Every structure is written in C-alpha cells, then in structure tokens.
C-alpha cells in the first residue's frame, strides 16, 4: 500500500501516533550509531 494512500485514510489522531513512532525509531537508530562511533573513535 502506498504511504500517501494510507495517510488519506488515517484519521489525524492515528497519523500523530504514526509520526511519533517513526521519530522514536529514528532516535533509537541515531543513538545506536552514535554509540558505535564513540566506540570506534
């Protein structure tokens, strides 16, 4: 399913939750990368 199609279907409340979860995943990935960089450097 296309992301844009999904956004049209979702109500604003669900959309907010989705955006939060995406941000959370990105933050976790960034934390992981930073930790590995610190170990290497």
PDB file of N, CA and C in Angstrom:
ATOM      1  N   UNK A   1       0.844  -1.202   0.000  1.00  0.00           N
ATOM      2  CA  UNK A   1       0.000   0.000   0.000  1.00  0.00           C
ATOM      3  C   UNK A   1       0.879   1.252   0.000  1.00  0.00           C
ATOM      4  N   UNK A   2       0.496   2.215  -0.768  1.00  0.00           N
ATOM      5  CA  UNK A   2       1.244   3.464  -0.876  1.00  0.00           C
ATOM      6  C   UNK A   2       1.107   4.281   0.414  1.00  0.00           C
ATOM      7  N   UNK A   3       2.182   4.898   0.848  1.00  0.00           N
ATOM      8  CA  UNK A   3       2.154   5.690   2.082  1.00  0.00           C
ATOM      9  C   UNK A   3       1.167   6.846   1.959  1.00  0.00           C
ATOM     10  N   UNK A   4       1.152   7.504   0.819  1.00  0.00           N
ATOM     11  CA  UNK A   4       0.236   8.623   0.619  1.00  0.00           C
ATOM     12  C   UNK A   4      -1.218   8.179   0.704  1.00  0.00           C
ATOM     13  N   UNK A   5      -1.518   7.009   0.164  1.00  0.00           N
ATOM     14  CA  UNK A   5      -2.876   6.470   0.248  1.00  0.00           C
ATOM     15  C   UNK A   5      -3.237   6.205   1.700  1.00  0.00           C
ATOM     16  N   UNK A   6      -2.302   5.674   2.446  1.00  0.00           N
ATOM     17  CA  UNK A   6      -2.536   5.370   3.851  1.00  0.00           C
ATOM     18  C   UNK A   6      -2.833   6.645   4.622  1.00  0.00           C
ATOM     19  N   UNK A   7      -2.078   7.699   4.369  1.00  0.00           N
ATOM     20  CA  UNK A   7      -2.273   8.958   5.073  1.00  0.00           C
ATOM     21  C   UNK A   7      -3.666   9.520   4.860  1.00  0.00           C
ATOM     22  N   UNK A   8      -4.203   9.375   3.645  1.00  0.00           N
ATOM     23  CA  UNK A   8      -5.550   9.870   3.353  1.00  0.00           C
ATOM     24  C   UNK A   8      -6.585   9.130   4.188  1.00  0.00           C
ATOM     25  N   UNK A   9      -6.379   7.843   4.396  1.00  0.00           N
ATOM     26  CA  UNK A   9      -7.344   7.002   5.101  1.00  0.00           C
ATOM     27  C   UNK A   9      -7.307   7.257   6.606  1.00  0.00           C
ATOM     28  N   UNK A  10      -6.138   7.471   7.151  1.00  0.00           N
ATOM     29  CA  UNK A  10      -5.976   7.597   8.598  1.00  0.00           C
ATOM     30  C   UNK A  10      -6.591   8.879   9.140  1.00  0.00           C
ATOM     31  N   UNK A  11      -7.137   8.779  10.342  1.00  0.00           N
ATOM     32  CA  UNK A  11      -7.609  10.000  10.979  1.00  0.00           C
ATOM     33  C   UNK A  11      -6.420  10.700  11.642  1.00  0.00           C
ATOM     34  N   UNK A  12      -6.546  11.984  11.951  1.00  0.00           N
ATOM     35  CA  UNK A  12      -5.412  12.772  12.466  1.00  0.00           C
ATOM     36  C   UNK A  12      -4.762  12.179  13.717  1.00  0.00           C
ATOM     37  N   UNK A  13      -5.565  11.580  14.591  1.00  0.00           N
ATOM     38  CA  UNK A  13      -5.029  11.017  15.834  1.00  0.00           C
ATOM     39  C   UNK A  13      -4.055   9.879  15.537  1.00  0.00           C
ATOM     40  N   UNK A  14      -4.469   8.964  14.662  1.00  0.00           N
ATOM     41  CA  UNK A  14      -3.618   7.834  14.299  1.00  0.00           C
ATOM     42  C   UNK A  14      -2.371   8.338  13.576  1.00  0.00           C
ATOM     43  N   UNK A  15      -2.548   9.344  12.728  1.00  0.00           N
ATOM     44  CA  UNK A  15      -1.422   9.901  11.984  1.00  0.00           C
ATOM     45  C   UNK A  15      -0.374  10.450  12.957  1.00  0.00           C
ATOM     46  N   UNK A  16      -0.815  11.133  14.011  1.00  0.00           N
ATOM     47  CA  UNK A  16       0.124  11.673  15.006  1.00  0.00           C
ATOM     48  C   UNK A  16       0.910  10.546  15.661  1.00  0.00           C
ATOM     49  N   UNK A  17       0.219   9.480  16.024  1.00  0.00           N
ATOM     50  CA  UNK A  17       0.886   8.339  16.652  1.00  0.00           C
ATOM     51  C   UNK A  17       1.924   7.725  15.721  1.00  0.00           C
ATOM     52  N   UNK A  18       1.568   7.614  14.451  1.00  0.00           N
ATOM     53  CA  UNK A  18       2.499   7.055  13.473  1.00  0.00           C
ATOM     54  C   UNK A  18       3.746   7.916  13.372  1.00  0.00           C
ATOM     55  N   UNK A  19       3.569   9.228  13.297  1.00  0.00           N
ATOM     56  CA  UNK A  19       4.712  10.130  13.193  1.00  0.00           C
ATOM     57  C   UNK A  19       5.589  10.028  14.428  1.00  0.00           C
ATOM     58  N   UNK A  20       4.963   9.903  15.606  1.00  0.00           N
ATOM     59  CA  UNK A  20       5.733   9.749  16.847  1.00  0.00           C
ATOM     60  C   UNK A  20       6.557   8.472  16.802  1.00  0.00           C
ATOM     61  N   UNK A  21       5.931   7.366  16.356  1.00  0.00           N
ATOM     62  CA  UNK A  21       6.649   6.098  16.344  1.00  0.00           C
ATOM     63  C   UNK A  21       7.799   6.144  15.347  1.00  0.00           C
ATOM     64  N   UNK A  22       7.601   6.819  14.207  1.00  0.00           N
ATOM     65  CA  UNK A  22       8.691   6.959  13.239  1.00  0.00           C
ATOM     66  C   UNK A  22       9.840   7.733  13.864  1.00  0.00           C
ATOM     67  N   UNK A  23       9.505   8.800  14.587  1.00  0.00           N
ATOM     68  CA  UNK A  23      10.541   9.600  15.234  1.00  0.00           C
ATOM     69  C   UNK A  23      11.274   8.773  16.276  1.00  0.00           C
ATOM     70  N   UNK A  24      10.546   7.971  17.009  1.00  0.00           N
ATOM     71  CA  UNK A  24      11.149   7.136  18.041  1.00  0.00           C
ATOM     72  C   UNK A  24      12.149   6.171  17.430  1.00  0.00           C
ATOM     73  N   UNK A  25      11.773   5.551  16.316  1.00  0.00           N
ATOM     74  CA  UNK A  25      12.659   4.602  15.635  1.00  0.00           C
ATOM     75  C   UNK A  25      13.912   5.314  15.157  1.00  0.00           C
ATOM     76  N   UNK A  26      13.739   6.496  14.563  1.00  0.00           N
ATOM     77  CA  UNK A  26      14.892   7.259  14.079  1.00  0.00           C
ATOM     78  C   UNK A  26      15.823   7.614  15.231  1.00  0.00           C
ATOM     79  N   UNK A  27      15.253   8.024  16.356  1.00  0.00           N
ATOM     80  CA  UNK A  27      16.057   8.395  17.521  1.00  0.00           C
ATOM     81  C   UNK A  27      16.848   7.199  18.021  1.00  0.00           C
ATOM     82  N   UNK A  28      16.200   6.038  18.095  1.00  0.00           N
ATOM     83  CA  UNK A  28      16.885   4.829  18.537  1.00  0.00           C
ATOM     84  C   UNK A  28      18.027   4.467  17.599  1.00  0.00           C
ATOM     85  N   UNK A  29      17.788   4.591  16.294  1.00  0.00           N
ATOM     86  CA  UNK A  29      18.836   4.283  15.325  1.00  0.00           C
ATOM     87  C   UNK A  29      19.998   5.256  15.477  1.00  0.00           C
ATOM     88  N   UNK A  30      19.693   6.526  15.669  1.00  0.00           N
ATOM     89  CA  UNK A  30      20.745   7.524  15.840  1.00  0.00           C
ATOM     90  C   UNK A  30      21.554   7.250  17.100  1.00  0.00           C
ATOM     91  N   UNK A  31      20.887   6.911  18.200  1.00  0.00           N
ATOM     92  CA  UNK A  31      21.585   6.588  19.441  1.00  0.00           C
ATOM     93  C   UNK A  31      22.542   5.417  19.215  1.00  0.00           C
ATOM     94  N   UNK A  32      22.060   4.412  18.511  1.00  0.00           N
ATOM     95  CA  UNK A  32      22.866   3.224  18.225  1.00  0.00           C
ATOM     96  C   UNK A  32      24.110   3.616  17.419  1.00  0.00           C
ATOM     97  N   UNK A  33      23.909   4.422  16.389  1.00  0.00           N
ATOM     98  CA  UNK A  33      25.023   4.853  15.535  1.00  0.00           C
ATOM     99  C   UNK A  33      26.043   5.675  16.331  1.00  0.00           C
ATOM    100  N   UNK A  34      25.552   6.575  17.166  1.00  0.00           N
ATOM    101  CA  UNK A  34      26.442   7.416  17.956  1.00  0.00           C
ATOM    102  C   UNK A  34      27.271   6.567  18.911  1.00  0.00           C
ATOM    103  N   UNK A  35      26.650   5.593  19.559  1.00  0.00           N
ATOM    104  CA  UNK A  35      27.381   4.710  20.481  1.00  0.00           C
ATOM    105  C   UNK A  35      28.495   3.965  19.739  1.00  0.00           C
ATOM    106  N   UNK A  36      28.166   3.443  18.540  1.00  0.00           N
ATOM    107  CA  UNK A  36      29.168   2.716  17.774  1.00  0.00           C
ATOM    108  C   UNK A  36      30.302   3.626  17.316  1.00  0.00           C
ATOM    109  N   UNK A  37      29.970   4.861  16.959  1.00  0.00           N
ATOM    110  CA  UNK A  37      31.010   5.804  16.540  1.00  0.00           C
ATOM    111  C   UNK A  37      31.940   6.115  17.715  1.00  0.00           C
ATOM    112  N   UNK A  38      31.359   6.275  18.897  1.00  0.00           N
ATOM    113  CA  UNK A  38      32.172   6.576  20.082  1.00  0.00           C
ATOM    114  C   UNK A  38      33.119   5.432  20.397  1.00  0.00           C
ATOM    115  N   UNK A  39      32.622   4.188  20.240  1.00  0.00           N
ATOM    116  CA  UNK A  39      33.478   3.021  20.476  1.00  0.00           C
ATOM    117  C   UNK A  39      34.627   2.998  19.484  1.00  0.00           C
ATOM    118  N   UNK A  40      34.321   3.276  18.232  1.00  0.00           N
ATOM    119  CA  UNK A  40      35.337   3.229  17.179  1.00  0.00           C
ATOM    120  C   UNK A  40      36.356   4.357  17.347  1.00  0.00           C
ATOM    121  N   UNK A  41      35.866   5.523  17.743  1.00  0.00           N
ATOM    122  CA  UNK A  41      36.743   6.686  17.869  1.00  0.00           C
ATOM    123  C   UNK A  41      37.252   6.764  19.243  1.00  0.00           C
TER     124      UNK A  41
END
